[in-house]
Amino acid sequence: MEKIQTINKKTCDWILVFIVLLLLLVGFFMVYSSSYPDGYYNHGSSLFFLKKQIVAGVAGIILMIFTSFFPYQIYRKLNKVMLFACVVLSLLTVLLGVEGNGAQRWLYIGGLSLQPSEIIKIASVLCMADFLDKRRKKLHKLVEGYIYTLAAIVGFILLIVIQKDLSTSVVLALVLLIMFFCAGAKMIHLVLTGIMGVVATIPLIAMYSYRIDRIIVFLDPFKYITGKGWQIVQSLYALGTGGLFGLGLGKSRQKFFYLPEAYNDFIFSIIGEELGFIGCVAVIILFVLFAWRGIRIAMNAKDFYGSLVAVGLTSLVLVQFLVHIAVATSSMPPTGRALPFISAGGTSLLFLLVSIGIILNISKTADIYNN
């Protein structure tokens, strides 16, 4: 036992590292394959998006290595700083941000684009983990446990809602609820929160006509095939065309301006078209393995705070993965959500790898090799 603990304090979960690097490699291939028509005709280089993805990937790996050596307990002491930064970033995005797909998502600083919601999501997980850890013995109480926790969750979600980014708000809400559940919440509290969340989402959808349109199109995309249903129909065509083994890497037809955002919001559809059902299953298996390692690290973390952080950051990846696939297969209304580690997107990839670094640091003190 002593030997196992000594080993674990010196090494991280290399299986998780391998899975993440494999997902990154798949991402590089698929970003190039799905984006070269757009890059060539609209940006003058077929490598335009691939270069950006590689730069973000390399920078992200460097940050992942750095955060893997940065003791995760220190984030507890930075709670107030992170909260203040989240509020400032959210307000700056509302006041100065650039709109994209109906949401105020981007800030441009010194010629570089930044998506503050990616930072807010990670900071929210870290702060919520500390919040739940300190109130672990009070979570069964109505006011000190449930009401206070609900107020904290709503507070974090509002930082995204005011940016008019409903999909990210829903993703963050689900992640924080998963953390609340794992911390020991009563089932009745979770059910009540879920009901209130659905009720609160209805007016948020009704506020903007484009959100209502997405619901209507989702119900029958082929009815609106020449209009707002075009994107989802082309996604289904891509998946259907791929069959069992796919058309072959680089041989997609839908990426030639039939399927918008082929290298981002619908990259899973291109995977299905080029690599077929087998390729889709392979990608899904990688995320299942990712879930296995993340949950294993969480279960064996040396303290409850580390366990909740690992649960939250692992869930953050998996919820986005599930939403992306659900949209690509028309299992839920269309919304912009990248496939983690694979879709094109510098800010998203950068901070995903930062979060993996935090999980790896937790794994260094967890008995992940102990049955």
Protein backbone atom coordinates (compact mmCIF):
# COMPACT_ATOMS: atom_id res chain seq x y z
CA MET A 1 0.00 0.00 0.00
CA GLU A 2 2.78 2.41 0.93
CA LYS A 3 4.50 1.71 -2.38
CA ILE A 4 1.35 2.44 -4.37
CA GLN A 5 0.84 5.76 -2.59
CA THR A 6 4.45 6.77 -3.22
CA ILE A 7 4.16 5.98 -6.92
CA ASN A 8 0.90 7.86 -7.28
CA LYS A 9 2.33 10.99 -5.70
CA LYS A 10 4.98 11.12 -8.40
CA THR A 11 3.05 10.25 -11.51
CA CYS A 12 -0.18 11.27 -13.17
CA ASP A 13 -2.77 9.18 -14.99
CA TRP A 14 -0.90 8.40 -18.20
CA ILE A 15 -3.87 6.51 -19.60
CA LEU A 16 -5.90 9.74 -19.49
CA VAL A 17 -3.02 11.61 -21.13
CA PHE A 18 -2.92 9.05 -23.94
CA ILE A 19 -6.70 9.27 -24.49
CA VAL A 20 -6.61 13.07 -24.66
CA LEU A 21 -3.65 13.11 -27.07
CA LEU A 22 -5.43 10.55 -29.25
CA LEU A 23 -8.55 12.74 -29.34
CA LEU A 24 -6.35 15.71 -30.26
CA LEU A 25 -4.78 13.74 -33.10
CA VAL A 26 -8.22 12.75 -34.40
CA GLY A 27 -9.16 16.41 -34.15
CA PHE A 28 -6.20 17.56 -36.25
CA PHE A 29 -7.03 15.10 -39.02
CA MET A 30 -10.74 15.88 -39.00
CA VAL A 31 -10.34 19.66 -38.78
CA TYR A 32 -8.12 19.61 -41.83
CA SER A 33 -10.35 17.21 -43.72
CA SER A 34 -13.57 19.10 -42.94
CA SER A 35 -12.22 22.64 -43.29
CA TYR A 36 -9.92 22.69 -46.31
CA PRO A 37 -12.63 23.76 -48.81
CA ASP A 38 -13.61 26.70 -46.59
CA GLY A 39 -9.97 27.51 -45.86
CA TYR A 40 -8.96 27.42 -49.50
CA TYR A 41 -11.85 29.37 -51.01
CA ASN A 42 -12.55 31.84 -48.20
CA HIS A 43 -9.17 32.29 -46.50
CA GLY A 44 -6.63 31.59 -49.22
CA SER A 45 -5.14 28.45 -47.67
CA SER A 46 -6.44 24.94 -47.22
CA LEU A 47 -4.37 24.77 -44.01
CA PHE A 48 -5.92 27.90 -42.50
CA PHE A 49 -8.01 26.18 -39.80
CA LEU A 50 -5.53 23.36 -39.22
CA LYS A 51 -2.73 25.81 -38.43
CA LYS A 52 -4.90 27.60 -35.87
CA GLN A 53 -5.90 24.29 -34.33
CA ILE A 54 -2.30 23.08 -34.05
CA VAL A 55 -1.19 26.37 -32.46
CA ALA A 56 -4.04 26.15 -29.93
CA GLY A 57 -3.28 22.46 -29.33
CA VAL A 58 0.43 23.01 -28.70
CA ALA A 59 -0.26 25.99 -26.43
CA GLY A 60 -2.92 23.94 -24.64
CA ILE A 61 -0.55 21.02 -24.07
CA ILE A 62 2.01 23.39 -22.56
CA LEU A 63 -0.65 24.81 -20.23
CA MET A 64 -1.87 21.28 -19.46
CA ILE A 65 1.64 20.30 -18.36
CA PHE A 66 1.92 23.47 -16.26
CA THR A 67 -1.44 23.02 -14.51
CA SER A 68 -0.65 19.33 -13.91
CA PHE A 69 2.20 20.52 -11.65
CA PHE A 70 0.11 23.28 -10.03
CA PRO A 71 -1.39 21.93 -6.73
CA TYR A 72 -5.15 21.90 -7.18
CA GLN A 73 -5.82 22.87 -3.55
CA ILE A 74 -4.50 26.36 -4.32
CA TYR A 75 -7.62 27.08 -6.41
CA ARG A 76 -9.60 27.14 -3.16
CA LYS A 77 -7.61 30.17 -2.05
CA LEU A 78 -8.26 31.89 -5.37
CA ASN A 79 -12.05 31.59 -5.22
CA LYS A 80 -12.73 35.29 -4.75
CA VAL A 81 -10.28 36.21 -7.50
CA MET A 82 -11.91 33.75 -9.90
CA LEU A 83 -15.41 34.98 -9.05
CA PHE A 84 -14.40 38.58 -9.61
CA ALA A 85 -12.73 37.69 -12.92
CA CYS A 86 -15.85 35.81 -14.06
CA VAL A 87 -18.11 38.77 -13.33
CA VAL A 88 -15.77 41.21 -15.09
CA LEU A 89 -15.38 38.95 -18.15
CA SER A 90 -19.13 38.42 -18.37
CA LEU A 91 -19.88 42.15 -18.18
CA LEU A 92 -17.16 42.97 -20.70
CA THR A 93 -18.62 40.39 -23.08
CA VAL A 94 -22.08 41.95 -22.77
CA LEU A 95 -20.77 45.49 -23.26
CA LEU A 96 -17.97 44.95 -25.78
CA GLY A 97 -18.43 41.44 -27.09
CA VAL A 98 -18.97 40.41 -30.69
CA GLU A 99 -22.15 38.51 -31.48
CA GLY A 100 -22.09 35.05 -33.05
CA ASN A 101 -25.06 32.76 -33.76
CA GLY A 102 -27.35 34.97 -31.71
CA ALA A 103 -25.09 35.08 -28.64
CA GLN A 104 -22.69 37.71 -27.36
CA ARG A 105 -19.77 35.29 -27.12
CA TRP A 106 -16.47 36.82 -28.17
CA LEU A 107 -14.04 39.41 -26.90
CA TYR A 108 -11.21 40.69 -29.07
CA ILE A 109 -8.10 41.65 -27.11
CA GLY A 110 -4.95 42.75 -28.93
CA GLY A 111 -6.07 41.12 -32.17
CA LEU A 112 -6.80 37.81 -30.44
CA SER A 113 -10.31 36.41 -29.97
CA LEU A 114 -11.35 35.07 -26.58
CA GLN A 115 -14.52 33.24 -25.56
CA PRO A 116 -14.97 34.19 -21.88
CA SER A 117 -17.59 31.49 -21.30
CA GLU A 118 -14.83 28.85 -21.54
CA ILE A 119 -13.05 30.46 -18.59
CA ILE A 120 -16.27 30.97 -16.66
CA LYS A 121 -17.21 27.29 -16.98
CA ILE A 122 -13.94 26.06 -15.45
CA ALA A 123 -13.96 28.72 -12.73
CA SER A 124 -17.58 27.86 -11.88
CA VAL A 125 -16.65 24.20 -11.39
CA LEU A 126 -13.71 25.09 -9.13
CA CYS A 127 -15.76 27.53 -7.04
CA MET A 128 -18.76 25.20 -6.80
CA ALA A 129 -16.52 22.33 -5.65
CA ASP A 130 -15.26 24.47 -2.77
CA PHE A 131 -18.79 25.66 -1.98
CA LEU A 132 -20.18 22.10 -1.82
CA ASP A 133 -17.20 20.78 0.14
CA LYS A 134 -17.63 23.41 2.87
CA ARG A 135 -21.37 22.65 3.14
CA ARG A 136 -21.16 18.89 2.73
CA LYS A 137 -22.79 18.15 6.10
CA LYS A 138 -25.55 20.71 5.53
CA LEU A 139 -26.69 19.71 2.04
CA HIS A 140 -29.66 17.77 3.40
CA LYS A 141 -31.04 20.95 5.02
CA LEU A 142 -33.53 23.08 3.11
CA VAL A 143 -32.08 26.55 3.56
CA GLU A 144 -28.38 26.09 4.37
CA GLY A 145 -28.08 23.20 1.95
CA TYR A 146 -30.53 23.35 -0.92
CA ILE A 147 -31.50 27.04 -1.12
CA TYR A 148 -27.92 28.29 -0.78
CA THR A 149 -26.67 25.79 -3.36
CA LEU A 150 -29.49 26.66 -5.77
CA ALA A 151 -28.64 30.35 -5.41
CA ALA A 152 -24.98 29.62 -6.20
CA ILE A 153 -25.88 27.56 -9.28
CA VAL A 154 -28.25 30.26 -10.56
CA GLY A 155 -25.58 32.89 -9.98
CA PHE A 156 -23.03 31.07 -12.13
CA ILE A 157 -25.58 30.38 -14.86
CA LEU A 158 -26.65 34.04 -15.00
CA LEU A 159 -23.08 34.98 -15.92
CA ILE A 160 -23.64 33.05 -19.16
CA VAL A 161 -27.34 33.85 -19.63
CA ILE A 162 -26.69 37.60 -19.83
CA GLN A 163 -24.41 36.84 -22.79
CA LYS A 164 -27.49 35.40 -24.55
CA ASP A 165 -25.72 32.04 -24.78
CA LEU A 166 -28.48 29.62 -23.79
CA SER A 167 -26.74 26.40 -24.88
CA THR A 168 -23.67 27.08 -22.73
CA SER A 169 -25.96 28.03 -19.84
CA VAL A 170 -27.72 24.66 -20.09
CA VAL A 171 -24.39 22.79 -20.28
CA LEU A 172 -23.07 24.56 -17.18
CA ALA A 173 -26.34 23.99 -15.32
CA LEU A 174 -26.19 20.24 -16.00
CA VAL A 175 -22.56 20.05 -14.86
CA LEU A 176 -23.24 21.91 -11.61
CA LEU A 177 -26.27 19.70 -10.93
CA ILE A 178 -24.13 16.59 -11.45
CA MET A 179 -21.68 17.98 -8.89
CA PHE A 180 -24.55 18.70 -6.50
CA PHE A 181 -25.80 15.14 -6.91
CA CYS A 182 -22.34 13.66 -6.30
CA ALA A 183 -21.91 15.86 -3.21
CA GLY A 184 -24.90 14.15 -1.60
CA ALA A 185 -27.97 16.17 -2.58
CA LYS A 186 -31.41 14.80 -1.84
CA MET A 187 -33.19 13.40 -4.86
CA ILE A 188 -36.26 15.56 -4.21
CA HIS A 189 -34.05 18.65 -4.34
CA LEU A 190 -32.61 17.58 -7.68
CA VAL A 191 -36.06 16.88 -9.10
CA LEU A 192 -37.35 20.27 -7.95
CA THR A 193 -34.31 21.98 -9.45
CA GLY A 194 -34.82 20.16 -12.75
CA ILE A 195 -38.48 21.21 -12.90
CA MET A 196 -37.61 24.83 -12.10
CA GLY A 197 -34.86 24.74 -14.70
CA VAL A 198 -37.24 23.60 -17.43
CA VAL A 199 -39.81 26.24 -16.41
CA ALA A 200 -37.13 28.97 -16.40
CA THR A 201 -35.86 27.89 -19.83
CA ILE A 202 -39.24 28.37 -21.52
CA PRO A 203 -39.31 32.21 -21.25
CA LEU A 204 -35.61 32.34 -22.19
CA ILE A 205 -36.47 30.50 -25.42
CA ALA A 206 -39.56 32.65 -26.02
CA MET A 207 -37.54 35.89 -25.69
CA TYR A 208 -35.87 35.39 -29.08
CA SER A 209 -37.57 34.28 -32.29
CA TYR A 210 -34.52 32.36 -33.54
CA ARG A 211 -34.70 30.07 -30.50
CA ILE A 212 -38.38 29.35 -31.19
CA ASP A 213 -37.49 28.66 -34.83
CA ARG A 214 -34.91 26.08 -33.73
CA ILE A 215 -37.56 24.20 -31.76
CA ILE A 216 -39.97 24.26 -34.70
CA VAL A 217 -37.30 23.14 -37.16
CA PHE A 218 -36.21 20.34 -34.82
CA LEU A 219 -39.72 18.86 -34.85
CA ASP A 220 -39.66 18.45 -38.65
CA PRO A 221 -36.35 19.56 -40.27
CA PHE A 222 -37.25 18.19 -43.70
CA LYS A 223 -40.25 20.51 -43.86
CA TYR A 224 -37.83 23.44 -43.77
CA ILE A 225 -35.11 21.83 -45.88
CA THR A 226 -34.61 24.90 -48.09
CA GLY A 227 -34.46 27.25 -45.11
CA LYS A 228 -33.63 26.89 -41.45
CA GLY A 229 -33.75 23.12 -41.57
CA TRP A 230 -30.98 22.95 -44.17
CA GLN A 231 -28.13 22.47 -41.70
CA ILE A 232 -29.62 19.60 -39.74
CA VAL A 233 -30.85 17.83 -42.90
CA GLN A 234 -27.37 18.02 -44.42
CA SER A 235 -25.97 16.63 -41.19
CA LEU A 236 -28.29 13.65 -41.43
CA TYR A 237 -27.37 13.18 -45.09
CA ALA A 238 -23.68 13.12 -44.12
CA LEU A 239 -24.23 10.49 -41.43
CA GLY A 240 -26.43 8.40 -43.70
CA THR A 241 -24.06 8.55 -46.65
CA GLY A 242 -21.15 7.23 -44.58
CA GLY A 243 -22.74 3.85 -43.98
CA LEU A 244 -20.70 1.31 -42.05
CA PHE A 245 -17.15 2.16 -43.17
CA GLY A 246 -17.53 5.68 -44.63
CA LEU A 247 -16.47 7.21 -47.91
CA GLY A 248 -12.85 7.47 -46.78
CA LEU A 249 -10.83 10.16 -45.02
CA GLY A 250 -10.98 13.41 -46.96
CA LYS A 251 -13.78 12.25 -49.27
CA SER A 252 -16.74 13.99 -47.68
CA ARG A 253 -19.12 15.77 -50.05
CA GLN A 254 -21.11 17.70 -47.47
CA LYS A 255 -18.12 19.79 -46.41
CA PHE A 256 -18.12 21.47 -49.83
CA PHE A 257 -20.46 24.20 -48.55
CA TYR A 258 -23.47 21.95 -48.15
CA LEU A 259 -23.06 21.59 -44.39
CA PRO A 260 -22.31 24.92 -42.60
CA GLU A 261 -19.83 24.78 -39.69
CA ALA A 262 -18.65 21.36 -40.87
CA TYR A 263 -15.36 21.74 -38.99
CA ASN A 264 -16.99 22.89 -35.76
CA ASP A 265 -20.62 22.38 -34.72
CA PHE A 266 -21.13 19.43 -37.09
CA ILE A 267 -17.74 17.79 -37.25
CA PHE A 268 -19.22 14.54 -35.92
CA SER A 269 -21.36 14.39 -39.06
CA ILE A 270 -18.23 14.60 -41.22
CA ILE A 271 -16.65 11.85 -39.13
CA GLY A 272 -19.70 9.72 -39.87
CA GLU A 273 -19.56 10.52 -43.58
CA GLU A 274 -15.83 9.86 -44.02
CA LEU A 275 -15.18 7.15 -41.42
CA GLY A 276 -18.66 5.66 -41.21
CA PHE A 277 -20.42 4.06 -38.28
CA ILE A 278 -17.16 2.39 -37.26
CA GLY A 279 -15.40 5.76 -37.02
CA CYS A 280 -18.27 7.25 -34.98
CA VAL A 281 -18.20 4.33 -32.56
CA ALA A 282 -14.41 4.63 -32.21
CA VAL A 283 -14.75 8.31 -31.24
CA ILE A 284 -17.55 7.49 -28.78
CA ILE A 285 -15.39 4.74 -27.22
CA LEU A 286 -12.58 7.27 -26.67
CA PHE A 287 -14.97 9.50 -24.74
CA VAL A 288 -16.26 6.52 -22.75
CA LEU A 289 -12.66 5.73 -21.81
CA PHE A 290 -12.17 9.39 -20.91
CA ALA A 291 -15.21 9.16 -18.62
CA TRP A 292 -13.84 6.01 -17.02
CA ARG A 293 -10.51 7.62 -16.15
CA GLY A 294 -12.08 10.86 -14.96
CA ILE A 295 -14.56 9.08 -12.70
CA ARG A 296 -11.84 6.77 -11.40
CA ILE A 297 -9.68 9.75 -10.46
CA ALA A 298 -12.66 11.41 -8.77
CA MET A 299 -13.50 8.29 -6.76
CA ASN A 300 -9.93 7.90 -5.53
CA ALA A 301 -9.06 11.56 -4.90
CA LYS A 302 -7.45 12.17 -1.53
CA ASP A 303 -10.05 14.77 -0.48
CA PHE A 304 -13.68 15.61 -1.23
CA TYR A 305 -12.80 18.90 -2.92
CA GLY A 306 -10.50 17.16 -5.40
CA SER A 307 -13.17 14.55 -6.05
CA LEU A 308 -15.78 17.21 -6.88
CA VAL A 309 -13.37 19.12 -9.12
CA ALA A 310 -12.58 15.93 -11.05
CA VAL A 311 -16.30 15.12 -11.37
CA GLY A 312 -17.11 18.64 -12.55
CA LEU A 313 -14.35 18.94 -15.13
CA THR A 314 -14.97 15.42 -16.45
CA SER A 315 -18.70 16.16 -16.72
CA LEU A 316 -17.94 19.42 -18.51
CA VAL A 317 -16.32 17.46 -21.33
CA LEU A 318 -18.90 14.68 -21.42
CA VAL A 319 -22.00 16.91 -21.40
CA GLN A 320 -20.63 18.92 -24.34
CA PHE A 321 -19.80 15.68 -26.13
CA LEU A 322 -23.35 14.37 -25.66
CA VAL A 323 -24.93 17.65 -26.76
CA HIS A 324 -22.78 17.78 -29.89
CA ILE A 325 -23.76 14.25 -30.94
CA ALA A 326 -27.42 14.88 -30.08
CA VAL A 327 -27.47 17.93 -32.36
CA ALA A 328 -25.64 16.17 -35.20
CA THR A 329 -28.13 13.27 -35.09
CA SER A 330 -31.17 15.58 -34.71
CA SER A 331 -31.89 14.20 -31.25
CA MET A 332 -32.26 17.71 -29.84
CA PRO A 333 -32.81 21.23 -31.25
CA PRO A 334 -29.78 22.59 -33.14
CA THR A 335 -27.38 24.71 -31.11
CA GLY A 336 -23.74 25.63 -31.47
CA ARG A 337 -21.70 23.19 -29.41
CA ALA A 338 -18.24 21.97 -30.38
CA LEU A 339 -17.07 18.37 -30.03
CA PRO A 340 -14.41 18.54 -27.26
CA PHE A 341 -10.78 18.18 -28.41
CA ILE A 342 -11.89 17.54 -32.01
CA SER A 343 -13.85 20.53 -33.33
CA ALA A 344 -12.01 23.61 -34.55
CA GLY A 345 -11.87 26.31 -31.89
CA GLY A 346 -8.80 27.80 -30.26
CA THR A 347 -10.26 29.10 -26.99
CA SER A 348 -12.29 25.95 -26.39
CA LEU A 349 -9.34 23.63 -27.01
CA LEU A 350 -6.96 25.74 -24.94
CA PHE A 351 -9.10 25.74 -21.81
CA LEU A 352 -10.18 22.13 -22.23
CA LEU A 353 -6.54 21.16 -21.97
CA VAL A 354 -6.10 23.44 -18.96
CA SER A 355 -8.94 21.56 -17.25
CA ILE A 356 -7.27 18.23 -18.12
CA GLY A 357 -4.11 19.50 -16.45
CA ILE A 358 -6.10 20.12 -13.25
CA ILE A 359 -7.54 16.59 -13.39
CA LEU A 360 -4.03 15.18 -13.90
CA ASN A 361 -2.78 17.04 -10.84
CA ILE A 362 -5.58 15.48 -8.80
CA SER A 363 -4.61 12.06 -10.19
CA LYS A 364 -1.08 12.47 -8.79
CA THR A 365 -2.38 12.14 -5.24
CA ALA A 366 -5.19 9.68 -6.02
CA ASP A 367 -4.81 5.93 -5.64
CA ILE A 368 -5.80 5.33 -9.28
CA TYR A 369 -3.80 2.10 -9.47
CA ASN A 370 -5.35 0.64 -6.34
CA ASN A 371 -8.35 -1.69 -6.68
